[in-house]
Amino acid sequence: MALRISLRDGEKIIVNGAVLRAAGRTDLCIENNVTLLRGRDVMSPEEANTPARRLYFACMMAYIDSADQQRHQNAIVTLVQALMEALESPEAKAVCISFAQKVATSDFYRALADCRWLIDYEAEAMARPVATAA
């Protein structure tokens, strides 16, 4: 079954490691298995400035850079271990475990969804006021 993707003028997409940019409104029909990441899901190294964002970036790189996948997976292991140690929420820890299971089976695209959840969780946790002892 083919995957149909519509891109706006100037929108970027990564297909098998190649960055493509739409010149005008573009419709694509992908008819085989490819590594595909839309521009809105791409994170720059500068945006990877929190633990969850660094995990997302490492996972994204493992997904799109198959030539150096082992190095990215090693980074993921280190980052997910540190994040698990820092988390207190059982729900957040469960998402980390789900993420790790997907990475272990090289299902990086679906693992990115778990990372997006962790990024949102992290942002909410950082926005909460710090409780002080009375």
C-alpha atoms as a PDB file:
ATOM      1  CA  MET A   1       0.000   0.000   0.000  1.00  0.00           C
ATOM      2  CA  ALA A   2       1.400   3.397  -0.996  1.00  0.00           C
ATOM      3  CA  LEU A   3       1.857   6.345   1.346  1.00  0.00           C
ATOM      4  CA  ARG A   4       0.646   9.716   0.040  1.00  0.00           C
ATOM      5  CA  ILE A   5       2.324  12.854   1.357  1.00  0.00           C
ATOM      6  CA  SER A   6       1.456  16.451   0.514  1.00  0.00           C
ATOM      7  CA  LEU A   7       4.157  19.063   0.978  1.00  0.00           C
ATOM      8  CA  ARG A   8       3.709  22.821   1.049  1.00  0.00           C
ATOM      9  CA  ASP A   9       5.980  25.070  -0.977  1.00  0.00           C
ATOM     10  CA  GLY A  10       9.409  25.077   0.681  1.00  0.00           C
ATOM     11  CA  GLU A  11       8.595  22.238   3.106  1.00  0.00           C
ATOM     12  CA  LYS A  12      11.466  19.815   3.665  1.00  0.00           C
ATOM     13  CA  ILE A  13      11.426  16.062   3.963  1.00  0.00           C
ATOM     14  CA  ILE A  14      14.220  13.547   4.541  1.00  0.00           C
ATOM     15  CA  VAL A  15      14.018  10.410   2.401  1.00  0.00           C
ATOM     16  CA  ASN A  16      16.704   7.767   2.972  1.00  0.00           C
ATOM     17  CA  GLY A  17      19.034  10.440   4.348  1.00  0.00           C
ATOM     18  CA  ALA A  18      18.557  12.890   1.467  1.00  0.00           C
ATOM     19  CA  VAL A  19      17.011  16.258   2.324  1.00  0.00           C
ATOM     20  CA  LEU A  20      14.398  17.222  -0.254  1.00  0.00           C
ATOM     21  CA  ARG A  21      12.571  20.565  -0.456  1.00  0.00           C
ATOM     22  CA  ALA A  22       9.268  21.042  -2.242  1.00  0.00           C
ATOM     23  CA  ALA A  23       9.316  23.591  -5.047  1.00  0.00           C
ATOM     24  CA  GLY A  24       5.668  24.529  -5.071  1.00  0.00           C
ATOM     25  CA  ARG A  25       2.898  22.410  -3.635  1.00  0.00           C
ATOM     26  CA  THR A  26       3.971  18.813  -4.113  1.00  0.00           C
ATOM     27  CA  ASP A  27       2.207  15.495  -3.695  1.00  0.00           C
ATOM     28  CA  LEU A  28       4.355  12.394  -3.308  1.00  0.00           C
ATOM     29  CA  CYS A  29       3.335   8.779  -3.454  1.00  0.00           C
ATOM     30  CA  ILE A  30       5.831   6.494  -1.707  1.00  0.00           C
ATOM     31  CA  GLU A  31       5.460   2.978  -3.079  1.00  0.00           C
ATOM     32  CA  ASN A  32       8.121   1.059  -1.164  1.00  0.00           C
ATOM     33  CA  ASN A  33       9.781   1.075   2.259  1.00  0.00           C
ATOM     34  CA  VAL A  34      11.902   4.149   2.926  1.00  0.00           C
ATOM     35  CA  THR A  35      13.280   6.058   5.859  1.00  0.00           C
ATOM     36  CA  LEU A  36      11.101   9.150   5.831  1.00  0.00           C
ATOM     37  CA  LEU A  37      10.972  12.148   8.164  1.00  0.00           C
ATOM     38  CA  ARG A  38       8.961  15.311   7.513  1.00  0.00           C
ATOM     39  CA  GLY A  39      10.594  18.658   8.149  1.00  0.00           C
ATOM     40  CA  ARG A  40       8.437  19.437  11.183  1.00  0.00           C
ATOM     41  CA  ASP A  41       9.791  16.264  12.842  1.00  0.00           C
ATOM     42  CA  VAL A  42      13.439  17.160  12.207  1.00  0.00           C
ATOM     43  CA  MET A  43      15.365  18.626  15.143  1.00  0.00           C
ATOM     44  CA  SER A  44      18.583  20.588  14.750  1.00  0.00           C
ATOM     45  CA  PRO A  45      21.529  19.920  17.086  1.00  0.00           C
ATOM     46  CA  GLU A  46      20.981  23.366  18.639  1.00  0.00           C
ATOM     47  CA  GLU A  47      17.402  22.431  19.582  1.00  0.00           C
ATOM     48  CA  ALA A  48      18.614  19.342  21.473  1.00  0.00           C
ATOM     49  CA  ASN A  49      19.126  21.360  24.660  1.00  0.00           C
ATOM     50  CA  THR A  50      17.338  19.249  27.315  1.00  0.00           C
ATOM     51  CA  PRO A  51      17.650  15.561  28.269  1.00  0.00           C
ATOM     52  CA  ALA A  52      14.462  14.516  26.409  1.00  0.00           C
ATOM     53  CA  ARG A  53      15.383  16.606  23.380  1.00  0.00           C
ATOM     54  CA  ARG A  54      18.891  15.074  23.275  1.00  0.00           C
ATOM     55  CA  LEU A  55      17.248  11.645  23.358  1.00  0.00           C
ATOM     56  CA  TYR A  56      14.953  12.637  20.465  1.00  0.00           C
ATOM     57  CA  PHE A  57      17.911  13.946  18.458  1.00  0.00           C
ATOM     58  CA  ALA A  58      19.930  10.736  18.997  1.00  0.00           C
ATOM     59  CA  CYS A  59      16.923   8.617  17.996  1.00  0.00           C
ATOM     60  CA  MET A  60      16.281  10.775  14.936  1.00  0.00           C
ATOM     61  CA  MET A  61      19.908  10.414  13.886  1.00  0.00           C
ATOM     62  CA  ALA A  62      19.783   6.623  14.354  1.00  0.00           C
ATOM     63  CA  TYR A  63      16.709   6.617  12.097  1.00  0.00           C
ATOM     64  CA  ILE A  64      18.072   8.791   9.274  1.00  0.00           C
ATOM     65  CA  ASP A  65      21.810   7.987   9.482  1.00  0.00           C
ATOM     66  CA  SER A  66      21.957   4.217   9.062  1.00  0.00           C
ATOM     67  CA  ALA A  67      25.670   4.368   8.197  1.00  0.00           C
ATOM     68  CA  ASP A  68      26.450   5.458  11.780  1.00  0.00           C
ATOM     69  CA  GLN A  69      23.490   3.804  13.492  1.00  0.00           C
ATOM     70  CA  GLN A  70      25.527   1.919  16.109  1.00  0.00           C
ATOM     71  CA  ARG A  71      27.110   5.134  17.431  1.00  0.00           C
ATOM     72  CA  HIS A  72      23.672   6.759  17.681  1.00  0.00           C
ATOM     73  CA  GLN A  73      22.250   3.697  19.441  1.00  0.00           C
ATOM     74  CA  ASN A  74      25.099   3.826  21.970  1.00  0.00           C
ATOM     75  CA  ALA A  75      24.230   7.468  22.659  1.00  0.00           C
ATOM     76  CA  ILE A  76      20.557   6.520  23.050  1.00  0.00           C
ATOM     77  CA  VAL A  77      21.400   3.882  25.679  1.00  0.00           C
ATOM     78  CA  THR A  78      23.411   6.383  27.715  1.00  0.00           C
ATOM     79  CA  LEU A  79      20.743   9.092  27.416  1.00  0.00           C
ATOM     80  CA  VAL A  80      17.783   6.855  28.262  1.00  0.00           C
ATOM     81  CA  GLN A  81      19.587   5.461  31.323  1.00  0.00           C
ATOM     82  CA  ALA A  82      20.256   8.976  32.622  1.00  0.00           C
ATOM     83  CA  LEU A  83      16.682  10.048  31.926  1.00  0.00           C
ATOM     84  CA  MET A  84      15.243   6.987  33.696  1.00  0.00           C
ATOM     85  CA  GLU A  85      17.321   7.785  36.780  1.00  0.00           C
ATOM     86  CA  ALA A  86      16.058  11.376  36.821  1.00  0.00           C
ATOM     87  CA  LEU A  87      12.368  10.600  36.320  1.00  0.00           C
ATOM     88  CA  GLU A  88      10.022  10.111  39.244  1.00  0.00           C
ATOM     89  CA  SER A  89       6.730   9.618  37.381  1.00  0.00           C
ATOM     90  CA  PRO A  90       5.784   5.960  36.798  1.00  0.00           C
ATOM     91  CA  GLU A  91       4.010   7.025  33.579  1.00  0.00           C
ATOM     92  CA  ALA A  92       7.142   8.769  32.265  1.00  0.00           C
ATOM     93  CA  LYS A  93       9.270   5.741  33.175  1.00  0.00           C
ATOM     94  CA  ALA A  94       6.801   3.493  31.308  1.00  0.00           C
ATOM     95  CA  VAL A  95       7.162   5.694  28.220  1.00  0.00           C
ATOM     96  CA  CYS A  96      10.963   5.402  28.502  1.00  0.00           C
ATOM     97  CA  ILE A  97      10.642   1.614  28.654  1.00  0.00           C
ATOM     98  CA  SER A  98       8.348   1.634  25.610  1.00  0.00           C
ATOM     99  CA  PHE A  99      10.862   3.864  23.833  1.00  0.00           C
ATOM    100  CA  ALA A 100      13.758   1.523  24.705  1.00  0.00           C
ATOM    101  CA  GLN A 101      11.822  -1.503  23.423  1.00  0.00           C
ATOM    102  CA  LYS A 102      11.197   0.228  20.093  1.00  0.00           C
ATOM    103  CA  VAL A 103      14.853   1.235  19.795  1.00  0.00           C
ATOM    104  CA  ALA A 104      15.921  -2.334  20.599  1.00  0.00           C
ATOM    105  CA  THR A 105      13.958  -3.513  17.551  1.00  0.00           C
ATOM    106  CA  SER A 106      15.207  -0.596  15.395  1.00  0.00           C
ATOM    107  CA  ASP A 107      11.697   0.888  15.244  1.00  0.00           C
ATOM    108  CA  PHE A 108      13.111   4.403  15.467  1.00  0.00           C
ATOM    109  CA  TYR A 109      10.206   6.160  13.752  1.00  0.00           C
ATOM    110  CA  ARG A 110       7.697   4.947  16.351  1.00  0.00           C
ATOM    111  CA  ALA A 111      10.217   5.579  19.147  1.00  0.00           C
ATOM    112  CA  LEU A 112      10.257   9.250  18.121  1.00  0.00           C
ATOM    113  CA  ALA A 113       6.579   9.481  19.161  1.00  0.00           C
ATOM    114  CA  ASP A 114       7.549   8.377  22.682  1.00  0.00           C
ATOM    115  CA  CYS A 115      10.268  11.032  22.677  1.00  0.00           C
ATOM    116  CA  ARG A 116       7.740  13.709  21.719  1.00  0.00           C
ATOM    117  CA  TRP A 117       5.658  12.638  24.737  1.00  0.00           C
ATOM    118  CA  LEU A 118       8.764  12.853  26.950  1.00  0.00           C
ATOM    119  CA  ILE A 119       9.605  16.314  25.576  1.00  0.00           C
ATOM    120  CA  ASP A 120       6.090  17.518  26.453  1.00  0.00           C
ATOM    121  CA  TYR A 121       6.319  15.909  29.899  1.00  0.00           C
ATOM    122  CA  GLU A 122       9.708  17.520  30.485  1.00  0.00           C
ATOM    123  CA  ALA A 123       8.407  20.957  29.452  1.00  0.00           C
ATOM    124  CA  GLU A 124       5.443  20.630  31.838  1.00  0.00           C
ATOM    125  CA  ALA A 125       7.691  19.464  34.682  1.00  0.00           C
ATOM    126  CA  MET A 126      10.097  22.364  34.127  1.00  0.00           C
ATOM    127  CA  ALA A 127       7.196  24.847  34.153  1.00  0.00           C
ATOM    128  CA  ARG A 128       5.889  23.650  37.535  1.00  0.00           C
ATOM    129  CA  PRO A 129       6.858  25.799  40.504  1.00  0.00           C
ATOM    130  CA  VAL A 130       9.451  24.230  42.763  1.00  0.00           C
ATOM    131  CA  ALA A 131       8.037  23.243  46.152  1.00  0.00           C
ATOM    132  CA  THR A 132      10.047  24.650  49.044  1.00  0.00           C
ATOM    133  CA  ALA A 133      10.287  23.140  52.503  1.00  0.00           C
ATOM    134  CA  ALA A 134       8.579  25.209  55.183  1.00  0.00           C
END
